[in-house]
Amino acid sequence: MIDILRTMENLTRSKPGCQCCCLYEQLNDTHTVLYVEQWESRETLQHHVRSSMYMRLLTAMELSSEAPEIQFHEIAETRELEFIEEMRSESGR
């Protein structure tokens, strides 16, 4: 499974619309794996999910010894440094 995810990570990074693709492993008793993809739009994500390459990811999840936890997060707004400044100034009131 890890080999499939590493391959997916490298292939996905080069796809149009992919902003980030990372694989994290926690090597302890539970051997937790976190695979994260970030896409520039819902359309690019949808194109990816419908691809034959994504089928490899689904196959890898089926190899898991436990049922995988799958989450999709949609972000309505992205803020930058001004958000920190705004939050810190509000806390001082």
Protein backbone atom coordinates (compact mmCIF):
# COMPACT_ATOMS: atom_id res chain seq x y z
CA MET A 1 0.00 0.00 0.00
CA ILE A 2 2.77 2.47 0.91
CA ASP A 3 4.49 1.87 -2.45
CA ILE A 4 1.25 2.62 -4.30
CA LEU A 5 0.74 5.79 -2.27
CA ARG A 6 4.32 6.96 -2.92
CA THR A 7 3.82 6.43 -6.64
CA MET A 8 0.50 8.26 -6.49
CA GLU A 9 2.10 11.13 -4.61
CA ASN A 10 4.72 11.65 -7.32
CA LEU A 11 2.29 11.27 -10.23
CA THR A 12 -0.38 13.48 -8.69
CA ARG A 13 1.99 16.38 -8.02
CA SER A 14 2.54 16.81 -11.76
CA LYS A 15 -1.17 16.94 -12.62
CA PRO A 16 -2.68 20.29 -13.67
CA GLY A 17 -4.52 21.85 -10.75
CA CYS A 18 -2.69 19.92 -8.05
CA GLN A 19 -1.37 22.36 -5.46
CA CYS A 20 -0.02 19.82 -3.00
CA CYS A 21 0.25 16.08 -2.56
CA CYS A 22 1.96 14.59 0.49
CA LEU A 23 2.32 11.23 2.19
CA TYR A 24 2.99 11.06 5.93
CA GLU A 25 3.77 7.95 7.94
CA GLN A 26 3.81 7.55 11.70
CA LEU A 27 6.03 4.59 12.43
CA ASN A 28 4.81 3.45 15.82
CA ASP A 29 2.63 0.57 16.99
CA THR A 30 -0.32 1.78 14.90
CA HIS A 31 1.66 2.67 11.75
CA THR A 32 -0.67 5.49 10.78
CA VAL A 33 -0.63 6.78 7.21
CA LEU A 34 -1.92 10.17 6.08
CA TYR A 35 -2.24 10.93 2.37
CA VAL A 36 -3.21 14.52 1.50
CA GLU A 37 -4.08 16.12 -1.81
CA GLN A 38 -4.92 19.78 -2.35
CA TRP A 39 -6.55 20.96 -5.58
CA GLU A 40 -7.02 24.46 -6.95
CA SER A 41 -10.70 23.94 -7.72
CA ARG A 42 -13.57 21.53 -7.35
CA GLU A 43 -13.39 20.92 -11.11
CA THR A 44 -9.74 19.83 -11.07
CA LEU A 45 -10.46 17.57 -8.09
CA GLN A 46 -13.45 16.06 -9.86
CA HIS A 47 -11.38 15.40 -12.97
CA HIS A 48 -8.76 13.68 -10.82
CA VAL A 49 -11.28 11.56 -8.89
CA ARG A 50 -12.77 10.36 -12.17
CA SER A 51 -9.37 9.37 -13.60
CA SER A 52 -8.00 5.86 -13.92
CA MET A 53 -5.03 6.98 -11.83
CA TYR A 54 -7.36 7.67 -8.90
CA MET A 55 -8.55 4.09 -9.15
CA ARG A 56 -5.04 3.12 -7.93
CA LEU A 57 -5.62 5.14 -4.79
CA LEU A 58 -8.94 3.41 -4.19
CA THR A 59 -7.21 0.05 -4.66
CA ALA A 60 -4.53 1.01 -2.13
CA MET A 61 -7.22 1.94 0.40
CA GLU A 62 -8.77 -1.50 -0.02
CA LEU A 63 -5.43 -3.04 1.01
CA SER A 64 -5.57 -1.30 4.38
CA SER A 65 -5.83 -3.56 7.42
CA GLU A 66 -8.47 -1.16 8.82
CA ALA A 67 -11.23 0.77 7.11
CA PRO A 68 -9.67 4.03 5.89
CA GLU A 69 -10.96 7.36 7.10
CA ILE A 70 -11.66 9.58 4.10
CA GLN A 71 -12.37 13.29 4.36
CA PHE A 72 -12.86 16.04 1.80
CA HIS A 73 -12.55 19.62 3.02
CA GLU A 74 -13.74 22.58 0.99
CA ILE A 75 -12.33 25.96 1.92
CA ALA A 76 -14.58 28.94 1.44
CA GLU A 77 -11.90 31.52 2.16
CA THR A 78 -8.14 31.69 2.38
CA ARG A 79 -6.54 34.34 4.55
CA GLU A 80 -2.92 35.37 4.92
CA LEU A 81 -0.82 37.38 7.36
CA GLU A 82 -3.52 39.99 7.89
CA PHE A 83 -5.65 37.28 9.52
CA ILE A 84 -3.03 36.76 12.25
CA GLU A 85 -2.77 40.51 12.78
CA GLU A 86 -6.57 40.80 12.97
CA MET A 87 -6.89 37.92 15.43
CA ARG A 88 -4.07 39.15 17.65
CA SER A 89 -5.44 42.70 17.79
CA GLU A 90 -8.91 41.41 18.75
CA SER A 91 -7.48 39.35 21.61
CA GLY A 92 -5.93 42.43 23.19
CA ARG A 93 -9.26 44.23 23.54
